[in-house]
Amino acid sequence: FLSSLRTDKKISQEKLAELCQLDRTYISLLERGCRQPTLMTLFKISKAFNLNLSSLLELFEKQYEDR
């Protein structure tokens, strides 16, 4: 989900990491499902995409249900 959202917004892993004040390798781990984000990390990611947290979670829920 995170990878597709990031590529839709034309943001590199490096740029997303910079916007979230996270390491690029952590973004990669999140995208591959190797790590689970904390609530604070989700909040940072939502802000990087100019979304509120509930909108980010709604997008995730919709994509998860469409599987």
C-alpha atoms as a PDB file:
ATOM      1  CA  PHE A   1       0.000   0.000   0.000  1.00  0.00           C
ATOM      2  CA  LEU A   2       2.663   2.509   1.009  1.00  0.00           C
ATOM      3  CA  SER A   3       4.716   1.858  -2.105  1.00  0.00           C
ATOM      4  CA  SER A   4       1.775   2.412  -4.454  1.00  0.00           C
ATOM      5  CA  LEU A   5       0.698   5.564  -2.625  1.00  0.00           C
ATOM      6  CA  ARG A   6       4.249   6.883  -2.751  1.00  0.00           C
ATOM      7  CA  THR A   7       4.675   6.165  -6.455  1.00  0.00           C
ATOM      8  CA  ASP A   8       1.243   7.651  -7.252  1.00  0.00           C
ATOM      9  CA  LYS A   9       2.413  10.863  -5.585  1.00  0.00           C
ATOM     10  CA  LYS A  10       5.762  10.618  -7.441  1.00  0.00           C
ATOM     11  CA  ILE A  11       7.778  10.662  -4.232  1.00  0.00           C
ATOM     12  CA  SER A  12      10.977   8.645  -3.862  1.00  0.00           C
ATOM     13  CA  GLN A  13      11.719   6.596  -0.778  1.00  0.00           C
ATOM     14  CA  GLU A  14      14.461   9.083   0.018  1.00  0.00           C
ATOM     15  CA  LYS A  15      12.116  12.061  -0.188  1.00  0.00           C
ATOM     16  CA  LEU A  16       9.424  10.340   1.890  1.00  0.00           C
ATOM     17  CA  ALA A  17      11.999   9.436   4.511  1.00  0.00           C
ATOM     18  CA  GLU A  18      13.189  13.042   4.591  1.00  0.00           C
ATOM     19  CA  LEU A  19       9.638  14.381   4.939  1.00  0.00           C
ATOM     20  CA  CYS A  20       8.916  11.912   7.756  1.00  0.00           C
ATOM     21  CA  GLN A  21      12.298  12.300   9.449  1.00  0.00           C
ATOM     22  CA  LEU A  22      12.830   8.551   9.109  1.00  0.00           C
ATOM     23  CA  ASP A  23      15.583   6.476   7.577  1.00  0.00           C
ATOM     24  CA  ARG A  24      15.122   5.449   3.940  1.00  0.00           C
ATOM     25  CA  THR A  25      15.778   1.821   4.825  1.00  0.00           C
ATOM     26  CA  TYR A  26      12.902   1.961   7.321  1.00  0.00           C
ATOM     27  CA  ILE A  27      10.567   3.152   4.546  1.00  0.00           C
ATOM     28  CA  SER A  28      11.729   0.193   2.455  1.00  0.00           C
ATOM     29  CA  LEU A  29      11.077  -2.194   5.346  1.00  0.00           C
ATOM     30  CA  LEU A  30       7.570  -0.761   5.800  1.00  0.00           C
ATOM     31  CA  GLU A  31       6.816  -1.115   2.101  1.00  0.00           C
ATOM     32  CA  ARG A  32       7.932  -4.750   2.098  1.00  0.00           C
ATOM     33  CA  GLY A  33       5.910  -5.539   5.218  1.00  0.00           C
ATOM     34  CA  CYS A  34       8.994  -6.339   7.281  1.00  0.00           C
ATOM     35  CA  ARG A  35       8.158  -3.714   9.906  1.00  0.00           C
ATOM     36  CA  GLN A  36       4.926  -2.453  11.426  1.00  0.00           C
ATOM     37  CA  PRO A  37       4.674   1.312  11.892  1.00  0.00           C
ATOM     38  CA  THR A  38       3.839   2.972  15.178  1.00  0.00           C
ATOM     39  CA  LEU A  39       0.962   5.399  15.416  1.00  0.00           C
ATOM     40  CA  MET A  40       3.452   8.291  15.378  1.00  0.00           C
ATOM     41  CA  THR A  41       5.049   6.929  12.196  1.00  0.00           C
ATOM     42  CA  LEU A  42       1.633   6.680  10.538  1.00  0.00           C
ATOM     43  CA  PHE A  43       0.966  10.259  11.567  1.00  0.00           C
ATOM     44  CA  LYS A  44       4.274  11.402  10.022  1.00  0.00           C
ATOM     45  CA  ILE A  45       3.533   9.509   6.815  1.00  0.00           C
ATOM     46  CA  SER A  46       0.048  10.990   6.560  1.00  0.00           C
ATOM     47  CA  LYS A  47       1.456  14.497   6.947  1.00  0.00           C
ATOM     48  CA  ALA A  48       4.080  13.797   4.271  1.00  0.00           C
ATOM     49  CA  PHE A  49       1.236  12.974   1.868  1.00  0.00           C
ATOM     50  CA  ASN A  50      -0.803  15.992   3.002  1.00  0.00           C
ATOM     51  CA  LEU A  51      -3.493  13.712   4.409  1.00  0.00           C
ATOM     52  CA  ASN A  52      -4.978  13.515   7.843  1.00  0.00           C
ATOM     53  CA  LEU A  53      -4.382  10.233   9.631  1.00  0.00           C
ATOM     54  CA  SER A  54      -7.963   9.041   9.254  1.00  0.00           C
ATOM     55  CA  SER A  55      -7.810   9.540   5.470  1.00  0.00           C
ATOM     56  CA  LEU A  56      -4.596   7.533   5.261  1.00  0.00           C
ATOM     57  CA  LEU A  57      -6.201   4.726   7.257  1.00  0.00           C
ATOM     58  CA  GLU A  58      -9.330   4.831   5.068  1.00  0.00           C
ATOM     59  CA  LEU A  59      -7.164   4.428   1.958  1.00  0.00           C
ATOM     60  CA  PHE A  60      -5.375   1.497   3.556  1.00  0.00           C
ATOM     61  CA  GLU A  61      -8.653  -0.103   4.613  1.00  0.00           C
ATOM     62  CA  LYS A  62     -10.119   0.250   1.127  1.00  0.00           C
ATOM     63  CA  GLN A  63      -7.088  -1.327  -0.514  1.00  0.00           C
ATOM     64  CA  TYR A  64      -7.017  -4.124   2.069  1.00  0.00           C
ATOM     65  CA  GLU A  65     -10.699  -4.928   1.489  1.00  0.00           C
ATOM     66  CA  ASP A  66     -10.184  -4.993  -2.297  1.00  0.00           C
ATOM     67  CA  ARG A  67      -7.719  -7.896  -2.009  1.00  0.00           C
END
